[in-house]
Amino acid sequence: MKNNKLIIFILTIGVFGILNTEMGFIGLIPQIAEHFNVSTSTAGWLVSVFAIGIAISGPIMPLLLSKIERKKVMIAVLVIFIISNIVSLFTTSFSILLIARIIPAIFHP
């Protein structure tokens, strides 16, 4: 029973992280625009490219990754999410930030 609670806790943290990667940028658009010295509409592309990436890769990636063990795929995807979030955190270039948003969208679980 204790092991189940730990698993649920870990899954909860994972879901929080993934949803924060998706939706966390929405409320920060004005600050991101100011920080990177771009317009608010340009900063809005951070949300748009993420959604477009999911829409395009969503039907394709399960087919491409179906032959790989699910656990390995999920671990790899979460590592990609973590790395892209770290890159997003420390980048000083809006272009790199945009790329760091596209990559996890392609591998969205």
PDB file of N, CA and C in Angstrom:
ATOM      1  N   MET A   1       0.817  -1.196   0.000  1.00  0.00           N
ATOM      2  CA  MET A   1       0.000   0.000   0.000  1.00  0.00           C
ATOM      3  C   MET A   1       0.865   1.266   0.000  1.00  0.00           C
ATOM      4  N   LYS A   2       1.960   1.241   0.776  1.00  0.00           N
ATOM      5  CA  LYS A   2       2.844   2.392   0.833  1.00  0.00           C
ATOM      6  C   LYS A   2       3.470   2.658  -0.536  1.00  0.00           C
ATOM      7  N   ASN A   3       3.798   1.587  -1.264  1.00  0.00           N
ATOM      8  CA  ASN A   3       4.379   1.716  -2.592  1.00  0.00           C
ATOM      9  C   ASN A   3       3.396   2.386  -3.553  1.00  0.00           C
ATOM     10  N   ASN A   4       2.108   2.055  -3.436  1.00  0.00           N
ATOM     11  CA  ASN A   4       1.092   2.672  -4.288  1.00  0.00           C
ATOM     12  C   ASN A   4       1.007   4.173  -4.046  1.00  0.00           C
ATOM     13  N   LYS A   5       1.126   4.592  -2.796  1.00  0.00           N
ATOM     14  CA  LYS A   5       1.083   6.021  -2.485  1.00  0.00           C
ATOM     15  C   LYS A   5       2.270   6.742  -3.109  1.00  0.00           C
ATOM     16  N   LEU A   6       3.425   6.116  -3.088  1.00  0.00           N
ATOM     17  CA  LEU A   6       4.610   6.710  -3.701  1.00  0.00           C
ATOM     18  C   LEU A   6       4.434   6.829  -5.211  1.00  0.00           C
ATOM     19  N   ILE A   7       3.908   5.791  -5.827  1.00  0.00           N
ATOM     20  CA  ILE A   7       3.671   5.816  -7.273  1.00  0.00           C
ATOM     21  C   ILE A   7       2.676   6.912  -7.632  1.00  0.00           C
ATOM     22  N   ILE A   8       1.606   7.029  -6.871  1.00  0.00           N
ATOM     23  CA  ILE A   8       0.606   8.072  -7.126  1.00  0.00           C
ATOM     24  C   ILE A   8       1.226   9.455  -6.955  1.00  0.00           C
ATOM     25  N   PHE A   9       2.052   9.623  -5.938  1.00  0.00           N
ATOM     26  CA  PHE A   9       2.730  10.902  -5.723  1.00  0.00           C
ATOM     27  C   PHE A   9       3.633  11.247  -6.906  1.00  0.00           C
ATOM     28  N   ILE A  10       4.426  10.282  -7.360  1.00  0.00           N
ATOM     29  CA  ILE A  10       5.329  10.507  -8.491  1.00  0.00           C
ATOM     30  C   ILE A  10       4.539  10.831  -9.757  1.00  0.00           C
ATOM     31  N   LEU A  11       3.462  10.106 -10.009  1.00  0.00           N
ATOM     32  CA  LEU A  11       2.622  10.386 -11.179  1.00  0.00           C
ATOM     33  C   LEU A  11       1.997  11.773 -11.095  1.00  0.00           C
ATOM     34  N   THR A  12       1.581  12.164  -9.898  1.00  0.00           N
ATOM     35  CA  THR A  12       0.992  13.489  -9.707  1.00  0.00           C
ATOM     36  C   THR A  12       2.006  14.582 -10.035  1.00  0.00           C
ATOM     37  N   ILE A  13       3.219  14.424  -9.561  1.00  0.00           N
ATOM     38  CA  ILE A  13       4.276  15.394  -9.860  1.00  0.00           C
ATOM     39  C   ILE A  13       4.553  15.420 -11.363  1.00  0.00           C
ATOM     40  N   GLY A  14       4.580  14.254 -11.999  1.00  0.00           N
ATOM     41  CA  GLY A  14       4.805  14.182 -13.441  1.00  0.00           C
ATOM     42  C   GLY A  14       3.721  14.880 -14.239  1.00  0.00           C
ATOM     43  N   VAL A  15       2.471  14.631 -13.876  1.00  0.00           N
ATOM     44  CA  VAL A  15       1.346  15.276 -14.568  1.00  0.00           C
ATOM     45  C   VAL A  15       1.398  16.787 -14.354  1.00  0.00           C
ATOM     46  N   PHE A  16       1.704  17.209 -13.131  1.00  0.00           N
ATOM     47  CA  PHE A  16       1.830  18.636 -12.850  1.00  0.00           C
ATOM     48  C   PHE A  16       2.908  19.260 -13.732  1.00  0.00           C
ATOM     49  N   GLY A  17       4.038  18.594 -13.852  1.00  0.00           N
ATOM     50  CA  GLY A  17       5.124  19.112 -14.674  1.00  0.00           C
ATOM     51  C   GLY A  17       4.754  19.212 -16.144  1.00  0.00           C
ATOM     52  N   ILE A  18       4.101  18.184 -16.655  1.00  0.00           N
ATOM     53  CA  ILE A  18       3.708  18.192 -18.069  1.00  0.00           C
ATOM     54  C   ILE A  18       2.661  19.270 -18.332  1.00  0.00           C
ATOM     55  N   LEU A  19       1.655  19.366 -17.469  1.00  0.00           N
ATOM     56  CA  LEU A  19       0.632  20.401 -17.654  1.00  0.00           C
ATOM     57  C   LEU A  19       1.214  21.794 -17.485  1.00  0.00           C
ATOM     58  N   ASN A  20       2.163  21.940 -16.594  1.00  0.00           N
ATOM     59  CA  ASN A  20       2.808  23.232 -16.415  1.00  0.00           C
ATOM     60  C   ASN A  20       3.624  23.597 -17.652  1.00  0.00           C
ATOM     61  N   THR A  21       4.232  22.603 -18.284  1.00  0.00           N
ATOM     62  CA  THR A  21       4.958  22.844 -19.528  1.00  0.00           C
ATOM     63  C   THR A  21       4.005  23.328 -20.608  1.00  0.00           C
ATOM     64  N   GLU A  22       2.814  22.754 -20.649  1.00  0.00           N
ATOM     65  CA  GLU A  22       1.824  23.155 -21.643  1.00  0.00           C
ATOM     66  C   GLU A  22       1.244  24.529 -21.355  1.00  0.00           C
ATOM     67  N   MET A  23       0.696  24.687 -20.168  1.00  0.00           N
ATOM     68  CA  MET A  23      -0.127  25.851 -19.861  1.00  0.00           C
ATOM     69  C   MET A  23       0.593  26.955 -19.093  1.00  0.00           C
ATOM     70  N   GLY A  24       1.757  26.671 -18.544  1.00  0.00           N
ATOM     71  CA  GLY A  24       2.453  27.649 -17.715  1.00  0.00           C
ATOM     72  C   GLY A  24       2.834  28.919 -18.448  1.00  0.00           C
ATOM     73  N   PHE A  25       3.049  28.816 -19.740  1.00  0.00           N
ATOM     74  CA  PHE A  25       3.475  29.974 -20.517  1.00  0.00           C
ATOM     75  C   PHE A  25       2.343  30.968 -20.758  1.00  0.00           C
ATOM     76  N   ILE A  26       1.115  30.510 -20.709  1.00  0.00           N
ATOM     77  CA  ILE A  26      -0.011  31.375 -21.055  1.00  0.00           C
ATOM     78  C   ILE A  26      -0.046  32.622 -20.180  1.00  0.00           C
ATOM     79  N   GLY A  27       0.075  32.455 -18.888  1.00  0.00           N
ATOM     80  CA  GLY A  27       0.020  33.604 -17.987  1.00  0.00           C
ATOM     81  C   GLY A  27       1.282  34.442 -17.974  1.00  0.00           C
ATOM     82  N   LEU A  28       2.336  33.942 -18.575  1.00  0.00           N
ATOM     83  CA  LEU A  28       3.618  34.647 -18.553  1.00  0.00           C
ATOM     84  C   LEU A  28       3.947  35.364 -19.859  1.00  0.00           C
ATOM     85  N   ILE A  29       3.044  35.341 -20.807  1.00  0.00           N
ATOM     86  CA  ILE A  29       3.315  35.929 -22.131  1.00  0.00           C
ATOM     87  C   ILE A  29       3.778  37.387 -22.035  1.00  0.00           C
ATOM     88  N   PRO A  30       3.093  38.260 -21.291  1.00  0.00           N
ATOM     89  CA  PRO A  30       3.567  39.655 -21.230  1.00  0.00           C
ATOM     90  C   PRO A  30       4.986  39.789 -20.653  1.00  0.00           C
ATOM     91  N   GLN A  31       5.288  39.031 -19.618  1.00  0.00           N
ATOM     92  CA  GLN A  31       6.621  39.099 -19.026  1.00  0.00           C
ATOM     93  C   GLN A  31       7.681  38.521 -19.964  1.00  0.00           C
ATOM     94  N   ILE A  32       7.334  37.449 -20.661  1.00  0.00           N
ATOM     95  CA  ILE A  32       8.271  36.853 -21.624  1.00  0.00           C
ATOM     96  C   ILE A  32       8.536  37.828 -22.763  1.00  0.00           C
ATOM     97  N   ALA A  33       7.481  38.479 -23.256  1.00  0.00           N
ATOM     98  CA  ALA A  33       7.636  39.462 -24.332  1.00  0.00           C
ATOM     99  C   ALA A  33       8.563  40.594 -23.897  1.00  0.00           C
ATOM    100  N   GLU A  34       8.370  41.059 -22.684  1.00  0.00           N
ATOM    101  CA  GLU A  34       9.220  42.140 -22.175  1.00  0.00           C
ATOM    102  C   GLU A  34      10.666  41.667 -21.994  1.00  0.00           C
ATOM    103  N   HIS A  35      10.833  40.486 -21.438  1.00  0.00           N
ATOM    104  CA  HIS A  35      12.183  39.962 -21.171  1.00  0.00           C
ATOM    105  C   HIS A  35      12.984  39.756 -22.457  1.00  0.00           C
ATOM    106  N   PHE A  36      12.337  39.224 -23.489  1.00  0.00           N
ATOM    107  CA  PHE A  36      13.036  38.936 -24.737  1.00  0.00           C
ATOM    108  C   PHE A  36      12.919  40.074 -25.749  1.00  0.00           C
ATOM    109  N   ASN A  37      12.265  41.159 -25.334  1.00  0.00           N
ATOM    110  CA  ASN A  37      12.113  42.335 -26.186  1.00  0.00           C
ATOM    111  C   ASN A  37      11.424  41.999 -27.512  1.00  0.00           C
ATOM    112  N   VAL A  38      10.324  41.259 -27.416  1.00  0.00           N
ATOM    113  CA  VAL A  38       9.498  40.925 -28.577  1.00  0.00           C
ATOM    114  C   VAL A  38       8.070  41.376 -28.275  1.00  0.00           C
ATOM    115  N   SER A  39       7.236  41.405 -29.293  1.00  0.00           N
ATOM    116  CA  SER A  39       5.841  41.795 -29.075  1.00  0.00           C
ATOM    117  C   SER A  39       5.090  40.677 -28.349  1.00  0.00           C
ATOM    118  N   THR A  40       3.961  41.047 -27.772  1.00  0.00           N
ATOM    119  CA  THR A  40       3.135  40.059 -27.076  1.00  0.00           C
ATOM    120  C   THR A  40       2.632  38.998 -28.047  1.00  0.00           C
ATOM    121  N   SER A  41       2.294  39.414 -29.260  1.00  0.00           N
ATOM    122  CA  SER A  41       1.819  38.431 -30.241  1.00  0.00           C
ATOM    123  C   SER A  41       2.939  37.478 -30.658  1.00  0.00           C
ATOM    124  N   THR A  42       4.158  37.974 -30.741  1.00  0.00           N
ATOM    125  CA  THR A  42       5.290  37.097 -31.051  1.00  0.00           C
ATOM    126  C   THR A  42       5.524  36.120 -29.908  1.00  0.00           C
ATOM    127  N   ALA A  43       5.459  36.608 -28.684  1.00  0.00           N
ATOM    128  CA  ALA A  43       5.619  35.728 -27.520  1.00  0.00           C
ATOM    129  C   ALA A  43       4.500  34.694 -27.469  1.00  0.00           C
ATOM    130  N   GLY A  44       3.330  35.030 -27.991  1.00  0.00           N
ATOM    131  CA  GLY A  44       2.211  34.096 -28.043  1.00  0.00           C
ATOM    132  C   GLY A  44       2.493  32.872 -28.888  1.00  0.00           C
ATOM    133  N   TRP A  45       3.477  32.981 -29.774  1.00  0.00           N
ATOM    134  CA  TRP A  45       3.874  31.830 -30.578  1.00  0.00           C
ATOM    135  C   TRP A  45       4.369  30.677 -29.717  1.00  0.00           C
ATOM    136  N   LEU A  46       4.837  30.977 -28.511  1.00  0.00           N
ATOM    137  CA  LEU A  46       5.295  29.913 -27.609  1.00  0.00           C
ATOM    138  C   LEU A  46       4.170  28.940 -27.290  1.00  0.00           C
ATOM    139  N   VAL A  47       2.972  29.463 -27.168  1.00  0.00           N
ATOM    140  CA  VAL A  47       1.804  28.613 -26.912  1.00  0.00           C
ATOM    141  C   VAL A  47       1.353  27.954 -28.214  1.00  0.00           C
ATOM    142  N   SER A  48       1.356  28.727 -29.292  1.00  0.00           N
ATOM    143  CA  SER A  48       0.867  28.218 -30.579  1.00  0.00           C
ATOM    144  C   SER A  48       1.719  27.084 -31.127  1.00  0.00           C
ATOM    145  N   VAL A  49       3.052  27.245 -31.091  1.00  0.00           N
ATOM    146  CA  VAL A  49       3.898  26.190 -31.654  1.00  0.00           C
ATOM    147  C   VAL A  49       3.801  24.910 -30.832  1.00  0.00           C
ATOM    148  N   PHE A  50       3.588  25.054 -29.536  1.00  0.00           N
ATOM    149  CA  PHE A  50       3.417  23.867 -28.701  1.00  0.00           C
ATOM    150  C   PHE A  50       2.148  23.127 -29.116  1.00  0.00           C
ATOM    151  N   ALA A  51       1.054  23.868 -29.285  1.00  0.00           N
ATOM    152  CA  ALA A  51      -0.218  23.250 -29.680  1.00  0.00           C
ATOM    153  C   ALA A  51      -0.138  22.651 -31.081  1.00  0.00           C
ATOM    154  N   ILE A  52       0.501  23.353 -31.993  1.00  0.00           N
ATOM    155  CA  ILE A  52       0.649  22.843 -33.362  1.00  0.00           C
ATOM    156  C   ILE A  52       1.516  21.583 -33.368  1.00  0.00           C
ATOM    157  N   GLY A  53       2.586  21.595 -32.587  1.00  0.00           N
ATOM    158  CA  GLY A  53       3.455  20.416 -32.488  1.00  0.00           C
ATOM    159  C   GLY A  53       2.705  19.196 -31.997  1.00  0.00           C
ATOM    160  N   ILE A  54       1.865  19.387 -30.985  1.00  0.00           N
ATOM    161  CA  ILE A  54       1.057  18.277 -30.467  1.00  0.00           C
ATOM    162  C   ILE A  54       0.046  17.820 -31.514  1.00  0.00           C
ATOM    163  N   ALA A  55      -0.592  18.774 -32.189  1.00  0.00           N
ATOM    164  CA  ALA A  55      -1.612  18.427 -33.182  1.00  0.00           C
ATOM    165  C   ALA A  55      -1.026  17.629 -34.344  1.00  0.00           C
ATOM    166  N   ILE A  56       0.175  17.978 -34.755  1.00  0.00           N
ATOM    167  CA  ILE A  56       0.795  17.277 -35.881  1.00  0.00           C
ATOM    168  C   ILE A  56       1.374  15.931 -35.454  1.00  0.00           C
ATOM    169  N   SER A  57       2.089  15.920 -34.335  1.00  0.00           N
ATOM    170  CA  SER A  57       2.767  14.685 -33.934  1.00  0.00           C
ATOM    171  C   SER A  57       1.872  13.721 -33.165  1.00  0.00           C
ATOM    172  N   GLY A  58       0.775  14.217 -32.626  1.00  0.00           N
ATOM    173  CA  GLY A  58      -0.117  13.370 -31.834  1.00  0.00           C
ATOM    174  C   GLY A  58      -0.551  12.087 -32.523  1.00  0.00           C
ATOM    175  N   PRO A  59      -1.018  12.152 -33.753  1.00  0.00           N
ATOM    176  CA  PRO A  59      -1.427  10.922 -34.432  1.00  0.00           C
ATOM    177  C   PRO A  59      -0.251  10.087 -34.961  1.00  0.00           C
ATOM    178  N   ILE A  60       0.898  10.720 -35.155  1.00  0.00           N
ATOM    179  CA  ILE A  60       2.025  10.045 -35.791  1.00  0.00           C
ATOM    180  C   ILE A  60       2.935   9.329 -34.794  1.00  0.00           C
ATOM    181  N   MET A  61       3.264   9.991 -33.698  1.00  0.00           N
ATOM    182  CA  MET A  61       4.245   9.442 -32.751  1.00  0.00           C
ATOM    183  C   MET A  61       3.835   8.101 -32.145  1.00  0.00           C
ATOM    184  N   PRO A  62       2.579   7.891 -31.784  1.00  0.00           N
ATOM    185  CA  PRO A  62       2.231   6.558 -31.262  1.00  0.00           C
ATOM    186  C   PRO A  62       2.512   5.444 -32.265  1.00  0.00           C
ATOM    187  N   LEU A  63       2.293   5.722 -33.536  1.00  0.00           N
ATOM    188  CA  LEU A  63       2.582   4.719 -34.562  1.00  0.00           C
ATOM    189  C   LEU A  63       4.084   4.468 -34.675  1.00  0.00           C
ATOM    190  N   LEU A  64       4.867   5.539 -34.627  1.00  0.00           N
ATOM    191  CA  LEU A  64       6.315   5.393 -34.757  1.00  0.00           C
ATOM    192  C   LEU A  64       6.948   4.727 -33.536  1.00  0.00           C
ATOM    193  N   LEU A  65       6.373   4.964 -32.368  1.00  0.00           N
ATOM    194  CA  LEU A  65       6.967   4.458 -31.129  1.00  0.00           C
ATOM    195  C   LEU A  65       6.283   3.210 -30.589  1.00  0.00           C
ATOM    196  N   SER A  66       5.328   2.661 -31.320  1.00  0.00           N
ATOM    197  CA  SER A  66       4.534   1.538 -30.809  1.00  0.00           C
ATOM    198  C   SER A  66       5.343   0.257 -30.608  1.00  0.00           C
ATOM    199  N   LYS A  67       6.440   0.112 -31.304  1.00  0.00           N
ATOM    200  CA  LYS A  67       7.233  -1.114 -31.184  1.00  0.00           C
ATOM    201  C   LYS A  67       8.227  -1.062 -30.020  1.00  0.00           C
ATOM    202  N   ILE A  68       8.362   0.110 -29.414  1.00  0.00           N
ATOM    203  CA  ILE A  68       9.287   0.272 -28.286  1.00  0.00           C
ATOM    204  C   ILE A  68       8.496   0.098 -26.990  1.00  0.00           C
ATOM    205  N   GLU A  69       9.133  -0.508 -25.995  1.00  0.00           N
ATOM    206  CA  GLU A  69       8.490  -0.724 -24.704  1.00  0.00           C
ATOM    207  C   GLU A  69       7.995   0.616 -24.125  1.00  0.00           C
ATOM    208  N   ARG A  70       6.753   0.629 -23.654  1.00  0.00           N
ATOM    209  CA  ARG A  70       6.119   1.864 -23.176  1.00  0.00           C
ATOM    210  C   ARG A  70       6.897   2.551 -22.061  1.00  0.00           C
ATOM    211  N   LYS A  71       7.431   1.768 -21.159  1.00  0.00           N
ATOM    212  CA  LYS A  71       8.169   2.348 -20.033  1.00  0.00           C
ATOM    213  C   LYS A  71       9.390   3.122 -20.535  1.00  0.00           C
ATOM    214  N   LYS A  72      10.101   2.555 -21.500  1.00  0.00           N
ATOM    215  CA  LYS A  72      11.276   3.225 -22.059  1.00  0.00           C
ATOM    216  C   LYS A  72      10.881   4.505 -22.787  1.00  0.00           C
ATOM    217  N   VAL A  73       9.778   4.440 -23.520  1.00  0.00           N
ATOM    218  CA  VAL A  73       9.297   5.623 -24.238  1.00  0.00           C
ATOM    219  C   VAL A  73       8.929   6.719 -23.246  1.00  0.00           C
ATOM    220  N   MET A  74       8.200   6.364 -22.201  1.00  0.00           N
ATOM    221  CA  MET A  74       7.765   7.361 -21.227  1.00  0.00           C
ATOM    222  C   MET A  74       8.955   7.995 -20.509  1.00  0.00           C
ATOM    223  N   ILE A  75       9.932   7.193 -20.146  1.00  0.00           N
ATOM    224  CA  ILE A  75      11.124   7.740 -19.493  1.00  0.00           C
ATOM    225  C   ILE A  75      11.861   8.681 -20.443  1.00  0.00           C
ATOM    226  N   ALA A  76      12.017   8.279 -21.691  1.00  0.00           N
ATOM    227  CA  ALA A  76      12.697   9.123 -22.676  1.00  0.00           C
ATOM    228  C   ALA A  76      11.948  10.435 -22.882  1.00  0.00           C
ATOM    229  N   VAL A  77      10.631  10.356 -22.979  1.00  0.00           N
ATOM    230  CA  VAL A  77       9.815  11.557 -23.176  1.00  0.00           C
ATOM    231  C   VAL A  77       9.947  12.498 -21.978  1.00  0.00           C
ATOM    232  N   LEU A  78       9.911  11.953 -20.783  1.00  0.00           N
ATOM    233  CA  LEU A  78      10.043  12.797 -19.595  1.00  0.00           C
ATOM    234  C   LEU A  78      11.428  13.432 -19.511  1.00  0.00           C
ATOM    235  N   VAL A  79      12.458  12.707 -19.930  1.00  0.00           N
ATOM    236  CA  VAL A  79      13.807  13.285 -19.966  1.00  0.00           C
ATOM    237  C   VAL A  79      13.857  14.431 -20.975  1.00  0.00           C
ATOM    238  N   ILE A  80      13.226  14.244 -22.131  1.00  0.00           N
ATOM    239  CA  ILE A  80      13.161  15.311 -23.139  1.00  0.00           C
ATOM    240  C   ILE A  80      12.445  16.527 -22.563  1.00  0.00           C
ATOM    241  N   PHE A  81      11.340  16.309 -21.851  1.00  0.00           N
ATOM    242  CA  PHE A  81      10.610  17.409 -21.217  1.00  0.00           C
ATOM    243  C   PHE A  81      11.497  18.146 -20.222  1.00  0.00           C
ATOM    244  N   ILE A  82      12.206  17.410 -19.397  1.00  0.00           N
ATOM    245  CA  ILE A  82      13.065  18.030 -18.380  1.00  0.00           C
ATOM    246  C   ILE A  82      14.171  18.856 -19.034  1.00  0.00           C
ATOM    247  N   ILE A  83      14.838  18.274 -20.022  1.00  0.00           N
ATOM    248  CA  ILE A  83      15.934  18.983 -20.692  1.00  0.00           C
ATOM    249  C   ILE A  83      15.421  20.232 -21.394  1.00  0.00           C
ATOM    250  N   SER A  84      14.303  20.123 -22.095  1.00  0.00           N
ATOM    251  CA  SER A  84      13.780  21.297 -22.803  1.00  0.00           C
ATOM    252  C   SER A  84      13.342  22.385 -21.828  1.00  0.00           C
ATOM    253  N   ASN A  85      12.816  21.999 -20.677  1.00  0.00           N
ATOM    254  CA  ASN A  85      12.440  22.999 -19.677  1.00  0.00           C
ATOM    255  C   ASN A  85      13.668  23.680 -19.084  1.00  0.00           C
ATOM    256  N   ILE A  86      14.737  22.932 -18.883  1.00  0.00           N
ATOM    257  CA  ILE A  86      15.977  23.533 -18.378  1.00  0.00           C
ATOM    258  C   ILE A  86      16.551  24.498 -19.411  1.00  0.00           C
ATOM    259  N   VAL A  87      16.540  24.097 -20.682  1.00  0.00           N
ATOM    260  CA  VAL A  87      17.002  24.991 -21.752  1.00  0.00           C
ATOM    261  C   VAL A  87      16.137  26.246 -21.783  1.00  0.00           C
ATOM    262  N   SER A  88      14.823  26.081 -21.675  1.00  0.00           N
ATOM    263  CA  SER A  88      13.912  27.231 -21.667  1.00  0.00           C
ATOM    264  C   SER A  88      14.212  28.172 -20.509  1.00  0.00           C
ATOM    265  N   LEU A  89      14.547  27.614 -19.391  1.00  0.00           N
ATOM    266  CA  LEU A  89      14.811  28.409 -18.197  1.00  0.00           C
ATOM    267  C   LEU A  89      16.049  29.285 -18.348  1.00  0.00           C
ATOM    268  N   PHE A  90      17.086  28.761 -18.979  1.00  0.00           N
ATOM    269  CA  PHE A  90      18.365  29.465 -19.008  1.00  0.00           C
ATOM    270  C   PHE A  90      18.685  30.170 -20.326  1.00  0.00           C
ATOM    271  N   THR A  91      17.846  30.044 -21.333  1.00  0.00           N
ATOM    272  CA  THR A  91      18.170  30.655 -22.622  1.00  0.00           C
ATOM    273  C   THR A  91      18.013  32.176 -22.576  1.00  0.00           C
ATOM    274  N   THR A  92      18.812  32.841 -23.382  1.00  0.00           N
ATOM    275  CA  THR A  92      18.690  34.290 -23.528  1.00  0.00           C
ATOM    276  C   THR A  92      18.197  34.652 -24.925  1.00  0.00           C
ATOM    277  N   SER A  93      17.887  33.643 -25.720  1.00  0.00           N
ATOM    278  CA  SER A  93      17.445  33.843 -27.099  1.00  0.00           C
ATOM    279  C   SER A  93      15.997  33.372 -27.253  1.00  0.00           C
ATOM    280  N   PHE A  94      15.175  34.241 -27.828  1.00  0.00           N
ATOM    281  CA  PHE A  94      13.781  33.868 -28.047  1.00  0.00           C
ATOM    282  C   PHE A  94      13.680  32.709 -29.037  1.00  0.00           C
ATOM    283  N   SER A  95      14.545  32.672 -30.034  1.00  0.00           N
ATOM    284  CA  SER A  95      14.522  31.579 -31.020  1.00  0.00           C
ATOM    285  C   SER A  95      14.799  30.232 -30.362  1.00  0.00           C
ATOM    286  N   ILE A  96      15.772  30.197 -29.459  1.00  0.00           N
ATOM    287  CA  ILE A  96      16.077  28.955 -28.740  1.00  0.00           C
ATOM    288  C   ILE A  96      14.898  28.567 -27.857  1.00  0.00           C
ATOM    289  N   LEU A  97      14.276  29.555 -27.232  1.00  0.00           N
ATOM    290  CA  LEU A  97      13.103  29.282 -26.404  1.00  0.00           C
ATOM    291  C   LEU A  97      11.989  28.670 -27.245  1.00  0.00           C
ATOM    292  N   LEU A  98      11.788  29.191 -28.437  1.00  0.00           N
ATOM    293  CA  LEU A  98      10.763  28.658 -29.338  1.00  0.00           C
ATOM    294  C   LEU A  98      11.075  27.208 -29.719  1.00  0.00           C
ATOM    295  N   ILE A  99      12.316  26.920 -30.026  1.00  0.00           N
ATOM    296  CA  ILE A  99      12.721  25.548 -30.356  1.00  0.00           C
ATOM    297  C   ILE A  99      12.555  24.637 -29.146  1.00  0.00           C
ATOM    298  N   ALA A 100      12.905  25.156 -27.970  1.00  0.00           N
ATOM    299  CA  ALA A 100      12.764  24.366 -26.742  1.00  0.00           C
ATOM    300  C   ALA A 100      11.297  24.103 -26.405  1.00  0.00           C
ATOM    301  N   ARG A 101      10.387  24.834 -27.008  1.00  0.00           N
ATOM    302  CA  ARG A 101       8.955  24.581 -26.844  1.00  0.00           C
ATOM    303  C   ARG A 101       8.447  23.573 -27.874  1.00  0.00           C
ATOM    304  N   ILE A 102       9.031  23.567 -29.051  1.00  0.00           N
ATOM    305  CA  ILE A 102       8.580  22.664 -30.113  1.00  0.00           C
ATOM    306  C   ILE A 102       8.975  21.217 -29.808  1.00  0.00           C
ATOM    307  N   ILE A 103      10.190  21.015 -29.334  1.00  0.00           N
ATOM    308  CA  ILE A 103      10.704  19.655 -29.121  1.00  0.00           C
ATOM    309  C   ILE A 103       9.840  18.836 -28.162  1.00  0.00           C
ATOM    310  N   PRO A 104       9.485  19.341 -26.975  1.00  0.00           N
ATOM    311  CA  PRO A 104       8.637  18.507 -26.107  1.00  0.00           C
ATOM    312  C   PRO A 104       7.228  18.315 -26.662  1.00  0.00           C
ATOM    313  N   ALA A 105       6.773  19.262 -27.480  1.00  0.00           N
ATOM    314  CA  ALA A 105       5.441  19.107 -28.075  1.00  0.00           C
ATOM    315  C   ALA A 105       5.410  17.910 -29.023  1.00  0.00           C
ATOM    316  N   ILE A 106       6.495  17.706 -29.744  1.00  0.00           N
ATOM    317  CA  ILE A 106       6.564  16.586 -30.678  1.00  0.00           C
ATOM    318  C   ILE A 106       6.498  15.252 -29.932  1.00  0.00           C
ATOM    319  N   PHE A 107       7.122  15.204 -28.760  1.00  0.00           N
ATOM    320  CA  PHE A 107       7.173  13.957 -27.991  1.00  0.00           C
ATOM    321  C   PHE A 107       6.170  13.928 -26.844  1.00  0.00           C
ATOM    322  N   HIS A 108       5.161  14.753 -26.914  1.00  0.00           N
ATOM    323  CA  HIS A 108       4.169  14.848 -25.834  1.00  0.00           C
ATOM    324  C   HIS A 108       3.536  13.483 -25.567  1.00  0.00           C
ATOM    325  N   PRO A 109       3.500  13.078 -24.276  1.00  0.00           N
ATOM    326  CA  PRO A 109       2.927  11.745 -23.976  1.00  0.00           C
ATOM    327  C   PRO A 109       1.420  11.701 -24.149  1.00  0.00           C
TER     328      PRO A 109
END
